Amino acid sequence: MATLTAADLAGIPLFEDLSEDERARLAGKFEERTVGAGSHLTAKGASGYLFFVIVEGAAEAQIDDRPVGQLSPGDFFGEVAMLGETGRRMAAVVATSDMRVGVMFGTEFRQMEGDFPQVVERLRAAMNERLAIAGLG
């Protein structure tokens, strides 16, 4: 199983204020996956136990088959299900190109909450902004 590298995380604004050593530690918590265009990465309403960062490629967030956002390298998704009250996905995410993503499972996400609280605070801010845009916050 391949994991992301510190260099991969350096391209993700969410992690830009971490040191190289901190990014290296955190990178090991992400499993690297490649997906093809048209792949469904998440389904609206599904329980969420994965957090994603996009290293390469693009995706579209959809609510009821209606596009609500474009995602590109450096973006992330899955924080609403991980941090929100319901634990459910707010939107479907579909790859619009071939992608390379980092996937973090719930256990590692909880470790990140303890080890990198500044990252999780930025995730909470992004979650609140996304919920407000969707009319759910």
Protein backbone atom coordinates (compact mmCIF):
# COMPACT_ATOMS: atom_id res chain seq x y z
CA MET A 1 0.00 0.00 0.00
CA ALA A 2 1.50 3.30 -1.09
CA THR A 3 1.26 6.39 1.07
CA LEU A 4 1.56 10.04 0.20
CA THR A 5 4.83 11.91 0.67
CA ALA A 6 5.67 15.16 2.44
CA ALA A 7 6.12 16.70 -1.04
CA ASP A 8 2.56 15.65 -1.95
CA LEU A 9 1.22 17.40 1.16
CA ALA A 10 3.32 20.51 0.48
CA GLY A 11 1.02 21.12 -2.51
CA ILE A 12 -2.09 21.10 -0.30
CA PRO A 13 -2.74 24.58 1.19
CA LEU A 14 -4.37 22.97 4.24
CA PHE A 15 -0.91 21.73 5.31
CA GLU A 16 1.25 24.65 4.15
CA ASP A 17 2.16 25.89 7.63
CA LEU A 18 3.43 22.48 8.78
CA SER A 19 7.15 21.80 8.86
CA GLU A 20 8.67 19.28 6.46
CA ASP A 21 8.96 16.78 9.33
CA GLU A 22 5.32 17.31 10.33
CA ARG A 23 4.17 16.84 6.73
CA ALA A 24 6.24 13.65 6.49
CA ARG A 25 4.61 12.32 9.68
CA LEU A 26 1.15 13.23 8.44
CA ALA A 27 1.73 11.90 4.91
CA GLY A 28 2.18 8.41 6.30
CA LYS A 29 -1.41 8.51 7.54
CA PHE A 30 -2.76 8.88 3.97
CA GLU A 31 -3.21 5.92 1.65
CA GLU A 32 -2.55 6.87 -1.97
CA ARG A 33 -5.22 5.88 -4.50
CA THR A 34 -5.69 6.44 -8.20
CA VAL A 35 -9.19 6.63 -9.67
CA GLY A 36 -10.46 7.00 -13.20
CA ALA A 37 -12.67 9.72 -14.62
CA GLY A 38 -16.31 9.03 -13.79
CA SER A 39 -15.51 7.26 -10.51
CA HIS A 40 -17.78 8.08 -7.59
CA LEU A 41 -15.61 8.90 -4.59
CA THR A 42 -18.47 9.63 -2.18
CA ALA A 43 -22.26 9.38 -2.24
CA LYS A 44 -24.57 12.00 -0.72
CA GLY A 45 -26.08 10.76 2.52
CA ALA A 46 -23.63 7.87 2.94
CA SER A 47 -21.81 7.48 6.22
CA GLY A 48 -18.40 9.07 6.06
CA TYR A 49 -15.28 7.42 7.43
CA LEU A 50 -12.81 8.69 4.81
CA PHE A 51 -11.17 12.10 4.34
CA PHE A 52 -9.68 12.95 0.92
CA VAL A 53 -7.02 15.31 -0.41
CA ILE A 54 -6.56 15.78 -4.15
CA VAL A 55 -2.97 15.49 -5.36
CA GLU A 56 -3.69 15.28 -9.11
CA GLY A 57 -6.85 15.52 -11.20
CA ALA A 58 -10.26 17.08 -10.77
CA ALA A 59 -13.69 16.24 -9.37
CA GLU A 60 -17.14 17.72 -9.07
CA ALA A 61 -19.25 17.93 -5.92
CA GLN A 62 -22.93 17.24 -6.60
CA ILE A 63 -26.11 17.47 -4.57
CA ASP A 64 -29.01 15.58 -6.15
CA ASP A 65 -27.05 15.32 -9.44
CA ARG A 66 -26.67 19.12 -9.51
CA PRO A 67 -23.08 20.45 -9.61
CA VAL A 68 -22.29 22.56 -6.55
CA GLY A 69 -18.52 22.85 -6.77
CA GLN A 70 -15.37 21.97 -8.65
CA LEU A 71 -12.43 20.38 -6.85
CA SER A 72 -8.84 20.43 -8.10
CA PRO A 73 -5.32 19.64 -6.86
CA GLY A 74 -4.81 21.05 -3.38
CA ASP A 75 -8.48 20.71 -2.44
CA PHE A 76 -9.92 18.34 0.14
CA PHE A 77 -13.31 16.85 0.95
CA GLY A 78 -14.92 14.56 3.49
CA GLU A 79 -14.45 16.86 6.48
CA VAL A 80 -18.22 17.43 6.89
CA ALA A 81 -18.87 13.73 7.44
CA MET A 82 -15.82 13.38 9.68
CA LEU A 83 -16.42 16.46 11.84
CA GLY A 84 -20.15 17.13 11.42
CA GLU A 85 -22.90 16.06 13.74
CA THR A 86 -24.53 13.50 11.45
CA GLY A 87 -21.46 11.66 10.15
CA ARG A 88 -23.11 11.66 6.72
CA ARG A 89 -21.88 12.90 3.35
CA MET A 90 -23.32 16.27 2.34
CA ALA A 91 -22.59 15.76 -1.37
CA ALA A 92 -21.54 13.19 -3.90
CA VAL A 93 -18.07 13.67 -5.36
CA VAL A 94 -17.38 12.35 -8.87
CA ALA A 95 -14.00 12.35 -10.60
CA THR A 96 -14.06 14.47 -13.78
CA SER A 97 -10.57 13.28 -14.78
CA ASP A 98 -8.17 10.57 -13.74
CA MET A 99 -7.09 11.39 -10.20
CA ARG A 100 -4.46 10.68 -7.57
CA VAL A 101 -5.85 11.22 -4.10
CA GLY A 102 -4.79 10.70 -0.53
CA VAL A 103 -7.32 8.90 1.64
CA MET A 104 -7.28 9.07 5.42
CA PHE A 105 -9.38 6.64 7.43
CA GLY A 106 -11.29 7.65 10.55
CA THR A 107 -8.73 6.27 13.00
CA GLU A 108 -5.91 8.27 11.44
CA PHE A 109 -8.18 11.32 11.20
CA ARG A 110 -8.77 11.14 14.96
CA GLN A 111 -4.99 10.92 15.49
CA MET A 112 -4.57 14.01 13.29
CA GLU A 113 -7.10 15.84 15.48
CA GLY A 114 -4.82 15.27 18.48
CA ASP A 115 -1.48 15.73 16.75
CA PHE A 116 -2.32 18.64 14.42
CA PRO A 117 -5.16 20.65 16.01
CA GLN A 118 -4.36 23.69 13.81
CA VAL A 119 -5.15 21.62 10.70
CA VAL A 120 -8.43 20.43 12.18
CA GLU A 121 -9.39 24.01 13.09
CA ARG A 122 -8.94 24.98 9.41
CA LEU A 123 -11.04 21.96 8.46
CA ARG A 124 -13.79 23.08 10.86
CA ALA A 125 -13.75 26.56 9.33
CA ALA A 126 -14.00 25.07 5.82
CA MET A 127 -16.80 22.78 6.95
CA ASN A 128 -18.79 25.68 8.40
CA GLU A 129 -18.29 27.69 5.20
CA ARG A 130 -19.40 24.77 3.02
CA LEU A 131 -22.46 24.12 5.19
CA ALA A 132 -23.39 27.81 4.97
CA ILE A 133 -23.04 27.78 1.17
CA ALA A 134 -25.24 24.69 1.01
CA GLY A 135 -27.82 26.38 3.27
CA LEU A 136 -27.23 23.82 6.02
CA GLY A 137 -25.18 25.89 8.45
